[in-house]
Amino acid sequence: MRNFENVRRTGDVINESIRYFSQQFIDMPLNQATIDALVESVNGYGRKLIGDGALLGFKAWFDPARNPATELSAGHLLISYKYTVARRWNA
């Protein structure tokens, strides 16, 4: 399992960063424009990590199948994302 520790830690950092970043969208109307802005902002963060050499690839998207209308009306939004870590850090 140690070989995947860097992937797990990178995923934790990305997840936490997205959670902190998305706080600026609290109390905004949850419409398609807000969703698009949030997804594009998350993709911008991924592009920064790619530019820094931390990731080889990153993509975030909104999946309507994972976001039923009842959850969206309650203000709950799930952003899907995938990433590829650039290298293994030796500790």
PDB file of N, CA and C in Angstrom:
ATOM      1  N   MET A   1       0.808  -1.197   0.000  1.00  0.00           N
ATOM      2  CA  MET A   1       0.000   0.000   0.000  1.00  0.00           C
ATOM      3  C   MET A   1       0.852   1.261   0.000  1.00  0.00           C
ATOM      4  N   ARG A   2       2.080   1.175   0.406  1.00  0.00           N
ATOM      5  CA  ARG A   2       2.914   2.367   0.491  1.00  0.00           C
ATOM      6  C   ARG A   2       3.115   3.011  -0.876  1.00  0.00           C
ATOM      7  N   ASN A   3       3.075   2.227  -1.953  1.00  0.00           N
ATOM      8  CA  ASN A   3       3.264   2.783  -3.289  1.00  0.00           C
ATOM      9  C   ASN A   3       2.168   3.766  -3.659  1.00  0.00           C
ATOM     10  N   PHE A   4       1.007   3.636  -3.059  1.00  0.00           N
ATOM     11  CA  PHE A   4      -0.117   4.503  -3.396  1.00  0.00           C
ATOM     12  C   PHE A   4      -0.338   5.608  -2.372  1.00  0.00           C
ATOM     13  N   GLU A   5       0.565   5.713  -1.410  1.00  0.00           N
ATOM     14  CA  GLU A   5       0.412   6.729  -0.369  1.00  0.00           C
ATOM     15  C   GLU A   5       0.457   8.138  -0.953  1.00  0.00           C
ATOM     16  N   ASN A   6       1.329   8.376  -1.927  1.00  0.00           N
ATOM     17  CA  ASN A   6       1.407   9.712  -2.523  1.00  0.00           C
ATOM     18  C   ASN A   6       0.132  10.057  -3.287  1.00  0.00           C
ATOM     19  N   VAL A   7      -0.477   9.067  -3.926  1.00  0.00           N
ATOM     20  CA  VAL A   7      -1.727   9.309  -4.651  1.00  0.00           C
ATOM     21  C   VAL A   7      -2.835   9.640  -3.658  1.00  0.00           C
ATOM     22  N   ARG A   8      -2.889   8.911  -2.570  1.00  0.00           N
ATOM     23  CA  ARG A   8      -3.914   9.140  -1.544  1.00  0.00           C
ATOM     24  C   ARG A   8      -3.758  10.525  -0.917  1.00  0.00           C
ATOM     25  N   ARG A   9      -2.537  10.878  -0.574  1.00  0.00           N
ATOM     26  CA  ARG A   9      -2.299  12.194   0.035  1.00  0.00           C
ATOM     27  C   ARG A   9      -2.601  13.320  -0.944  1.00  0.00           C
ATOM     28  N   THR A  10      -2.232  13.142  -2.197  1.00  0.00           N
ATOM     29  CA  THR A  10      -2.549  14.153  -3.214  1.00  0.00           C
ATOM     30  C   THR A  10      -4.056  14.306  -3.347  1.00  0.00           C
ATOM     31  N   GLY A  11      -4.775  13.200  -3.347  1.00  0.00           N
ATOM     32  CA  GLY A  11      -6.234  13.249  -3.416  1.00  0.00           C
ATOM     33  C   GLY A  11      -6.844  13.973  -2.228  1.00  0.00           C
ATOM     34  N   ASP A  12      -6.281  13.748  -1.044  1.00  0.00           N
ATOM     35  CA  ASP A  12      -6.773  14.439   0.146  1.00  0.00           C
ATOM     36  C   ASP A  12      -6.568  15.948   0.038  1.00  0.00           C
ATOM     37  N   VAL A  13      -5.406  16.360  -0.460  1.00  0.00           N
ATOM     38  CA  VAL A  13      -5.119  17.792  -0.614  1.00  0.00           C
ATOM     39  C   VAL A  13      -6.051  18.417  -1.647  1.00  0.00           C
ATOM     40  N   ILE A  14      -6.257  17.732  -2.764  1.00  0.00           N
ATOM     41  CA  ILE A  14      -7.154  18.249  -3.804  1.00  0.00           C
ATOM     42  C   ILE A  14      -8.577  18.369  -3.263  1.00  0.00           C
ATOM     43  N   ASN A  15      -9.054  17.335  -2.585  1.00  0.00           N
ATOM     44  CA  ASN A  15     -10.404  17.349  -2.027  1.00  0.00           C
ATOM     45  C   ASN A  15     -10.580  18.497  -1.039  1.00  0.00           C
ATOM     46  N   GLU A  16      -9.639  18.656  -0.129  1.00  0.00           N
ATOM     47  CA  GLU A  16      -9.728  19.732   0.856  1.00  0.00           C
ATOM     48  C   GLU A  16      -9.651  21.104   0.192  1.00  0.00           C
ATOM     49  N   SER A  17      -8.803  21.241  -0.801  1.00  0.00           N
ATOM     50  CA  SER A  17      -8.682  22.519  -1.510  1.00  0.00           C
ATOM     51  C   SER A  17      -9.982  22.881  -2.223  1.00  0.00           C
ATOM     52  N   ILE A  18     -10.617  21.903  -2.850  1.00  0.00           N
ATOM     53  CA  ILE A  18     -11.891  22.161  -3.531  1.00  0.00           C
ATOM     54  C   ILE A  18     -12.967  22.552  -2.522  1.00  0.00           C
ATOM     55  N   ARG A  19     -12.980  21.900  -1.378  1.00  0.00           N
ATOM     56  CA  ARG A  19     -13.970  22.239  -0.345  1.00  0.00           C
ATOM     57  C   ARG A  19     -13.779  23.673   0.151  1.00  0.00           C
ATOM     58  N   TYR A  20     -12.525  24.056   0.431  1.00  0.00           N
ATOM     59  CA  TYR A  20     -12.269  25.428   0.883  1.00  0.00           C
ATOM     60  C   TYR A  20     -12.598  26.430  -0.214  1.00  0.00           C
ATOM     61  N   PHE A  21     -12.197  26.122  -1.423  1.00  0.00           N
ATOM     62  CA  PHE A  21     -12.410  27.035  -2.543  1.00  0.00           C
ATOM     63  C   PHE A  21     -13.892  27.249  -2.818  1.00  0.00           C
ATOM     64  N   SER A  22     -14.683  26.198  -2.692  1.00  0.00           N
ATOM     65  CA  SER A  22     -16.103  26.295  -3.034  1.00  0.00           C
ATOM     66  C   SER A  22     -16.901  27.095  -2.009  1.00  0.00           C
ATOM     67  N   GLN A  23     -16.306  27.435  -0.882  1.00  0.00           N
ATOM     68  CA  GLN A  23     -17.023  28.217   0.123  1.00  0.00           C
ATOM     69  C   GLN A  23     -17.409  29.596  -0.388  1.00  0.00           C
ATOM     70  N   GLN A  24     -16.684  30.118  -1.361  1.00  0.00           N
ATOM     71  CA  GLN A  24     -17.042  31.427  -1.904  1.00  0.00           C
ATOM     72  C   GLN A  24     -18.364  31.389  -2.673  1.00  0.00           C
ATOM     73  N   PHE A  25     -18.842  30.204  -3.008  1.00  0.00           N
ATOM     74  CA  PHE A  25     -20.098  30.065  -3.739  1.00  0.00           C
ATOM     75  C   PHE A  25     -21.299  29.843  -2.812  1.00  0.00           C
ATOM     76  N   ILE A  26     -21.056  29.801  -1.506  1.00  0.00           N
ATOM     77  CA  ILE A  26     -22.150  29.643  -0.548  1.00  0.00           C
ATOM     78  C   ILE A  26     -23.058  30.867  -0.634  1.00  0.00           C
ATOM     79  N   ASP A  27     -24.338  30.651  -0.522  1.00  0.00           N
ATOM     80  CA  ASP A  27     -25.379  31.686  -0.575  1.00  0.00           C
ATOM     81  C   ASP A  27     -25.559  32.286  -1.962  1.00  0.00           C
ATOM     82  N   MET A  28     -24.962  31.700  -2.974  1.00  0.00           N
ATOM     83  CA  MET A  28     -25.233  32.122  -4.343  1.00  0.00           C
ATOM     84  C   MET A  28     -26.351  31.235  -4.893  1.00  0.00           C
ATOM     85  N   PRO A  29     -27.159  31.757  -5.809  1.00  0.00           N
ATOM     86  CA  PRO A  29     -28.205  30.902  -6.389  1.00  0.00           C
ATOM     87  C   PRO A  29     -27.568  29.734  -7.142  1.00  0.00           C
ATOM     88  N   LEU A  30     -28.087  28.547  -6.912  1.00  0.00           N
ATOM     89  CA  LEU A  30     -27.515  27.349  -7.533  1.00  0.00           C
ATOM     90  C   LEU A  30     -28.179  27.132  -8.888  1.00  0.00           C
ATOM     91  N   ASN A  31     -27.665  27.835  -9.888  1.00  0.00           N
ATOM     92  CA  ASN A  31     -28.170  27.694 -11.251  1.00  0.00           C
ATOM     93  C   ASN A  31     -27.027  27.221 -12.146  1.00  0.00           C
ATOM     94  N   GLN A  32     -27.297  27.053 -13.422  1.00  0.00           N
ATOM     95  CA  GLN A  32     -26.285  26.509 -14.332  1.00  0.00           C
ATOM     96  C   GLN A  32     -25.055  27.409 -14.426  1.00  0.00           C
ATOM     97  N   ALA A  33     -25.254  28.719 -14.348  1.00  0.00           N
ATOM     98  CA  ALA A  33     -24.115  29.646 -14.420  1.00  0.00           C
ATOM     99  C   ALA A  33     -23.191  29.469 -13.220  1.00  0.00           C
ATOM    100  N   THR A  34     -23.754  29.296 -12.034  1.00  0.00           N
ATOM    101  CA  THR A  34     -22.945  29.082 -10.831  1.00  0.00           C
ATOM    102  C   THR A  34     -22.217  27.751 -10.915  1.00  0.00           C
ATOM    103  N   ILE A  35     -22.909  26.723 -11.380  1.00  0.00           N
ATOM    104  CA  ILE A  35     -22.288  25.404 -11.525  1.00  0.00           C
ATOM    105  C   ILE A  35     -21.135  25.474 -12.523  1.00  0.00           C
ATOM    106  N   ASP A  36     -21.356  26.127 -13.656  1.00  0.00           N
ATOM    107  CA  ASP A  36     -20.296  26.263 -14.664  1.00  0.00           C
ATOM    108  C   ASP A  36     -19.102  27.035 -14.113  1.00  0.00           C
ATOM    109  N   ALA A  37     -19.365  28.095 -13.347  1.00  0.00           N
ATOM    110  CA  ALA A  37     -18.278  28.888 -12.767  1.00  0.00           C
ATOM    111  C   ALA A  37     -17.473  28.061 -11.773  1.00  0.00           C
ATOM    112  N   LEU A  38     -18.159  27.279 -10.962  1.00  0.00           N
ATOM    113  CA  LEU A  38     -17.471  26.441  -9.983  1.00  0.00           C
ATOM    114  C   LEU A  38     -16.629  25.375 -10.675  1.00  0.00           C
ATOM    115  N   VAL A  39     -17.194  24.706 -11.663  1.00  0.00           N
ATOM    116  CA  VAL A  39     -16.453  23.662 -12.382  1.00  0.00           C
ATOM    117  C   VAL A  39     -15.239  24.259 -13.088  1.00  0.00           C
ATOM    118  N   GLU A  40     -15.401  25.404 -13.724  1.00  0.00           N
ATOM    119  CA  GLU A  40     -14.270  26.028 -14.416  1.00  0.00           C
ATOM    120  C   GLU A  40     -13.199  26.474 -13.421  1.00  0.00           C
ATOM    121  N   SER A  41     -13.603  26.937 -12.255  1.00  0.00           N
ATOM    122  CA  SER A  41     -12.630  27.328 -11.234  1.00  0.00           C
ATOM    123  C   SER A  41     -11.847  26.119 -10.735  1.00  0.00           C
ATOM    124  N   VAL A  42     -12.535  24.998 -10.546  1.00  0.00           N
ATOM    125  CA  VAL A  42     -11.859  23.767 -10.119  1.00  0.00           C
ATOM    126  C   VAL A  42     -10.896  23.301 -11.210  1.00  0.00           C
ATOM    127  N   ASN A  43     -11.309  23.379 -12.467  1.00  0.00           N
ATOM    128  CA  ASN A  43     -10.408  23.018 -13.565  1.00  0.00           C
ATOM    129  C   ASN A  43      -9.208  23.963 -13.626  1.00  0.00           C
ATOM    130  N   GLY A  44      -9.413  25.233 -13.295  1.00  0.00           N
ATOM    131  CA  GLY A  44      -8.296  26.178 -13.230  1.00  0.00           C
ATOM    132  C   GLY A  44      -7.294  25.782 -12.160  1.00  0.00           C
ATOM    133  N   TYR A  45      -7.795  25.322 -11.020  1.00  0.00           N
ATOM    134  CA  TYR A  45      -6.920  24.828  -9.955  1.00  0.00           C
ATOM    135  C   TYR A  45      -6.134  23.611 -10.448  1.00  0.00           C
ATOM    136  N   GLY A  46      -6.802  22.730 -11.170  1.00  0.00           N
ATOM    137  CA  GLY A  46      -6.118  21.562 -11.728  1.00  0.00           C
ATOM    138  C   GLY A  46      -5.040  21.956 -12.721  1.00  0.00           C
ATOM    139  N   ARG A  47      -5.320  22.962 -13.560  1.00  0.00           N
ATOM    140  CA  ARG A  47      -4.304  23.436 -14.508  1.00  0.00           C
ATOM    141  C   ARG A  47      -3.100  24.020 -13.780  1.00  0.00           C
ATOM    142  N   LYS A  48      -3.338  24.673 -12.649  1.00  0.00           N
ATOM    143  CA  LYS A  48      -2.226  25.214 -11.860  1.00  0.00           C
ATOM    144  C   LYS A  48      -1.357  24.079 -11.318  1.00  0.00           C
ATOM    145  N   LEU A  49      -2.000  23.021 -10.824  1.00  0.00           N
ATOM    146  CA  LEU A  49      -1.238  21.884 -10.307  1.00  0.00           C
ATOM    147  C   LEU A  49      -0.449  21.197 -11.416  1.00  0.00           C
ATOM    148  N   ILE A  50      -1.013  21.147 -12.611  1.00  0.00           N
ATOM    149  CA  ILE A  50      -0.284  20.588 -13.751  1.00  0.00           C
ATOM    150  C   ILE A  50       0.912  21.474 -14.071  1.00  0.00           C
ATOM    151  N   GLY A  51       0.704  22.777 -14.079  1.00  0.00           N
ATOM    152  CA  GLY A  51       1.792  23.713 -14.352  1.00  0.00           C
ATOM    153  C   GLY A  51       2.894  23.657 -13.306  1.00  0.00           C
ATOM    154  N   ASP A  52       2.522  23.377 -12.062  1.00  0.00           N
ATOM    155  CA  ASP A  52       3.506  23.256 -10.983  1.00  0.00           C
ATOM    156  C   ASP A  52       4.247  21.926 -11.025  1.00  0.00           C
ATOM    157  N   GLY A  53       3.799  21.005 -11.867  1.00  0.00           N
ATOM    158  CA  GLY A  53       4.449  19.703 -11.973  1.00  0.00           C
ATOM    159  C   GLY A  53       3.943  18.674 -10.980  1.00  0.00           C
ATOM    160  N   ALA A  54       2.893  18.987 -10.239  1.00  0.00           N
ATOM    161  CA  ALA A  54       2.365  18.046  -9.253  1.00  0.00           C
ATOM    162  C   ALA A  54       1.476  16.981  -9.894  1.00  0.00           C
ATOM    163  N   LEU A  55       0.811  17.341 -10.994  1.00  0.00           N
ATOM    164  CA  LEU A  55      -0.090  16.414 -11.673  1.00  0.00           C
ATOM    165  C   LEU A  55       0.266  16.304 -13.144  1.00  0.00           C
ATOM    166  N   LEU A  56      -0.052  15.152 -13.726  1.00  0.00           N
ATOM    167  CA  LEU A  56       0.071  14.980 -15.178  1.00  0.00           C
ATOM    168  C   LEU A  56      -1.228  15.334 -15.880  1.00  0.00           C
ATOM    169  N   GLY A  57      -2.342  15.147 -15.189  1.00  0.00           N
ATOM    170  CA  GLY A  57      -3.637  15.444 -15.782  1.00  0.00           C
ATOM    171  C   GLY A  57      -4.676  15.700 -14.715  1.00  0.00           C
ATOM    172  N   PHE A  58      -5.687  16.489 -15.081  1.00  0.00           N
ATOM    173  CA  PHE A  58      -6.774  16.805 -14.158  1.00  0.00           C
ATOM    174  C   PHE A  58      -7.995  17.207 -14.965  1.00  0.00           C
ATOM    175  N   LYS A  59      -9.167  16.731 -14.535  1.00  0.00           N
ATOM    176  CA  LYS A  59     -10.416  17.132 -15.181  1.00  0.00           C
ATOM    177  C   LYS A  59     -11.532  17.095 -14.150  1.00  0.00           C
ATOM    178  N   ALA A  60     -12.310  18.172 -14.090  1.00  0.00           N
ATOM    179  CA  ALA A  60     -13.489  18.235 -13.231  1.00  0.00           C
ATOM    180  C   ALA A  60     -14.709  18.456 -14.108  1.00  0.00           C
ATOM    181  N   TRP A  61     -15.855  17.910 -13.696  1.00  0.00           N
ATOM    182  CA  TRP A  61     -17.073  18.068 -14.474  1.00  0.00           C
ATOM    183  C   TRP A  61     -18.281  17.928 -13.552  1.00  0.00           C
ATOM    184  N   PHE A  62     -19.412  18.413 -14.038  1.00  0.00           N
ATOM    185  CA  PHE A  62     -20.692  18.292 -13.352  1.00  0.00           C
ATOM    186  C   PHE A  62     -21.442  17.123 -13.964  1.00  0.00           C
ATOM    187  N   ASP A  63     -21.818  16.155 -13.139  1.00  0.00           N
ATOM    188  CA  ASP A  63     -22.544  14.971 -13.598  1.00  0.00           C
ATOM    189  C   ASP A  63     -23.989  15.051 -13.103  1.00  0.00           C
ATOM    190  N   PRO A  64     -24.939  15.344 -13.989  1.00  0.00           N
ATOM    191  CA  PRO A  64     -26.338  15.461 -13.561  1.00  0.00           C
ATOM    192  C   PRO A  64     -26.888  14.183 -12.922  1.00  0.00           C
ATOM    193  N   ALA A  65     -26.362  13.032 -13.296  1.00  0.00           N
ATOM    194  CA  ALA A  65     -26.842  11.770 -12.731  1.00  0.00           C
ATOM    195  C   ALA A  65     -26.521  11.662 -11.238  1.00  0.00           C
ATOM    196  N   ARG A  66     -25.447  12.295 -10.798  1.00  0.00           N
ATOM    197  CA  ARG A  66     -25.059  12.260  -9.383  1.00  0.00           C
ATOM    198  C   ARG A  66     -25.667  13.408  -8.582  1.00  0.00           C
ATOM    199  N   ASN A  67     -26.412  14.286  -9.259  1.00  0.00           N
ATOM    200  CA  ASN A  67     -26.976  15.467  -8.615  1.00  0.00           C
ATOM    201  C   ASN A  67     -28.479  15.553  -8.881  1.00  0.00           C
ATOM    202  N   PRO A  68     -29.289  14.785  -8.134  1.00  0.00           N
ATOM    203  CA  PRO A  68     -30.737  14.858  -8.348  1.00  0.00           C
ATOM    204  C   PRO A  68     -31.290  16.236  -7.968  1.00  0.00           C
ATOM    205  N   ALA A  69     -32.436  16.560  -8.519  1.00  0.00           N
ATOM    206  CA  ALA A  69     -33.044  17.876  -8.293  1.00  0.00           C
ATOM    207  C   ALA A  69     -33.300  18.141  -6.812  1.00  0.00           C
ATOM    208  N   THR A  70     -33.640  17.099  -6.051  1.00  0.00           N
ATOM    209  CA  THR A  70     -33.896  17.296  -4.619  1.00  0.00           C
ATOM    210  C   THR A  70     -32.642  17.757  -3.889  1.00  0.00           C
ATOM    211  N   GLU A  71     -31.488  17.209  -4.258  1.00  0.00           N
ATOM    212  CA  GLU A  71     -30.231  17.619  -3.628  1.00  0.00           C
ATOM    213  C   GLU A  71     -29.826  19.023  -4.066  1.00  0.00           C
ATOM    214  N   LEU A  72     -29.992  19.313  -5.351  1.00  0.00           N
ATOM    215  CA  LEU A  72     -29.651  20.649  -5.841  1.00  0.00           C
ATOM    216  C   LEU A  72     -30.528  21.708  -5.188  1.00  0.00           C
ATOM    217  N   SER A  73     -31.814  21.409  -5.003  1.00  0.00           N
ATOM    218  CA  SER A  73     -32.703  22.386  -4.369  1.00  0.00           C
ATOM    219  C   SER A  73     -32.350  22.598  -2.903  1.00  0.00           C
ATOM    220  N   ALA A  74     -31.698  21.613  -2.290  1.00  0.00           N
ATOM    221  CA  ALA A  74     -31.229  21.754  -0.909  1.00  0.00           C
ATOM    222  C   ALA A  74     -29.862  22.426  -0.846  1.00  0.00           C
ATOM    223  N   GLY A  75     -29.280  22.728  -2.009  1.00  0.00           N
ATOM    224  CA  GLY A  75     -27.982  23.398  -2.041  1.00  0.00           C
ATOM    225  C   GLY A  75     -26.796  22.461  -2.025  1.00  0.00           C
ATOM    226  N   HIS A  76     -27.029  21.178  -2.270  1.00  0.00           N
ATOM    227  CA  HIS A  76     -25.951  20.185  -2.271  1.00  0.00           C
ATOM    228  C   HIS A  76     -25.527  19.900  -3.701  1.00  0.00           C
ATOM    229  N   LEU A  77     -24.252  20.061  -3.966  1.00  0.00           N
ATOM    230  CA  LEU A  77     -23.726  19.885  -5.319  1.00  0.00           C
ATOM    231  C   LEU A  77     -22.490  19.006  -5.267  1.00  0.00           C
ATOM    232  N   LEU A  78     -22.437  17.999  -6.119  1.00  0.00           N
ATOM    233  CA  LEU A  78     -21.261  17.139  -6.227  1.00  0.00           C
ATOM    234  C   LEU A  78     -20.540  17.448  -7.533  1.00  0.00           C
ATOM    235  N   ILE A  79     -19.261  17.749  -7.426  1.00  0.00           N
ATOM    236  CA  ILE A  79     -18.411  17.952  -8.589  1.00  0.00           C
ATOM    237  C   ILE A  79     -17.546  16.706  -8.729  1.00  0.00           C
ATOM    238  N   SER A  80     -17.576  16.074  -9.875  1.00  0.00           N
ATOM    239  CA  SER A  80     -16.740  14.903 -10.136  1.00  0.00           C
ATOM    240  C   SER A  80     -15.398  15.369 -10.676  1.00  0.00           C
ATOM    241  N   TYR A  81     -14.345  14.642 -10.339  1.00  0.00           N
ATOM    242  CA  TYR A  81     -13.030  14.977 -10.871  1.00  0.00           C
ATOM    243  C   TYR A  81     -12.144  13.742 -10.895  1.00  0.00           C
ATOM    244  N   LYS A  82     -11.148  13.783 -11.769  1.00  0.00           N
ATOM    245  CA  LYS A  82     -10.139  12.727 -11.825  1.00  0.00           C
ATOM    246  C   LYS A  82      -8.794  13.393 -12.056  1.00  0.00           C
ATOM    247  N   TYR A  83      -7.740  12.719 -11.632  1.00  0.00           N
ATOM    248  CA  TYR A  83      -6.402  13.298 -11.731  1.00  0.00           C
ATOM    249  C   TYR A  83      -5.366  12.186 -11.846  1.00  0.00           C
ATOM    250  N   THR A  84      -4.197  12.557 -12.337  1.00  0.00           N
ATOM    251  CA  THR A  84      -3.060  11.647 -12.418  1.00  0.00           C
ATOM    252  C   THR A  84      -1.871  12.325 -11.761  1.00  0.00           C
ATOM    253  N   VAL A  85      -1.326  11.678 -10.752  1.00  0.00           N
ATOM    254  CA  VAL A  85      -0.192  12.236 -10.016  1.00  0.00           C
ATOM    255  C   VAL A  85       1.064  12.135 -10.868  1.00  0.00           C
ATOM    256  N   ALA A  86       1.924  13.155 -10.791  1.00  0.00           N
ATOM    257  CA  ALA A  86       3.090  13.231 -11.661  1.00  0.00           C
ATOM    258  C   ALA A  86       4.200  12.267 -11.263  1.00  0.00           C
ATOM    259  N   ARG A  87       4.490  12.165 -10.003  1.00  0.00           N
ATOM    260  CA  ARG A  87       5.623  11.325  -9.603  1.00  0.00           C
ATOM    261  C   ARG A  87       5.453  10.881  -8.158  1.00  0.00           C
ATOM    262  N   ARG A  88       6.269   9.941  -7.780  1.00  0.00           N
ATOM    263  CA  ARG A  88       6.261   9.450  -6.410  1.00  0.00           C
ATOM    264  C   ARG A  88       7.302  10.215  -5.622  1.00  0.00           C
ATOM    265  N   TRP A  89       6.893  10.742  -4.498  1.00  0.00           N
ATOM    266  CA  TRP A  89       7.820  11.464  -3.621  1.00  0.00           C
ATOM    267  C   TRP A  89       8.445  10.467  -2.666  1.00  0.00           C
ATOM    268  N   ASN A  90       9.740  10.458  -2.572  1.00  0.00           N
ATOM    269  CA  ASN A  90      10.437   9.562  -1.650  1.00  0.00           C
ATOM    270  C   ASN A  90      10.571  10.239  -0.300  1.00  0.00           C
ATOM    271  N   ALA A  91      10.202   9.511   0.719  1.00  0.00           N
ATOM    272  CA  ALA A  91      10.270  10.072   2.074  1.00  0.00           C
ATOM    273  C   ALA A  91      11.483   9.543   2.795  1.00  0.00           C
TER     274      ALA A  91
END
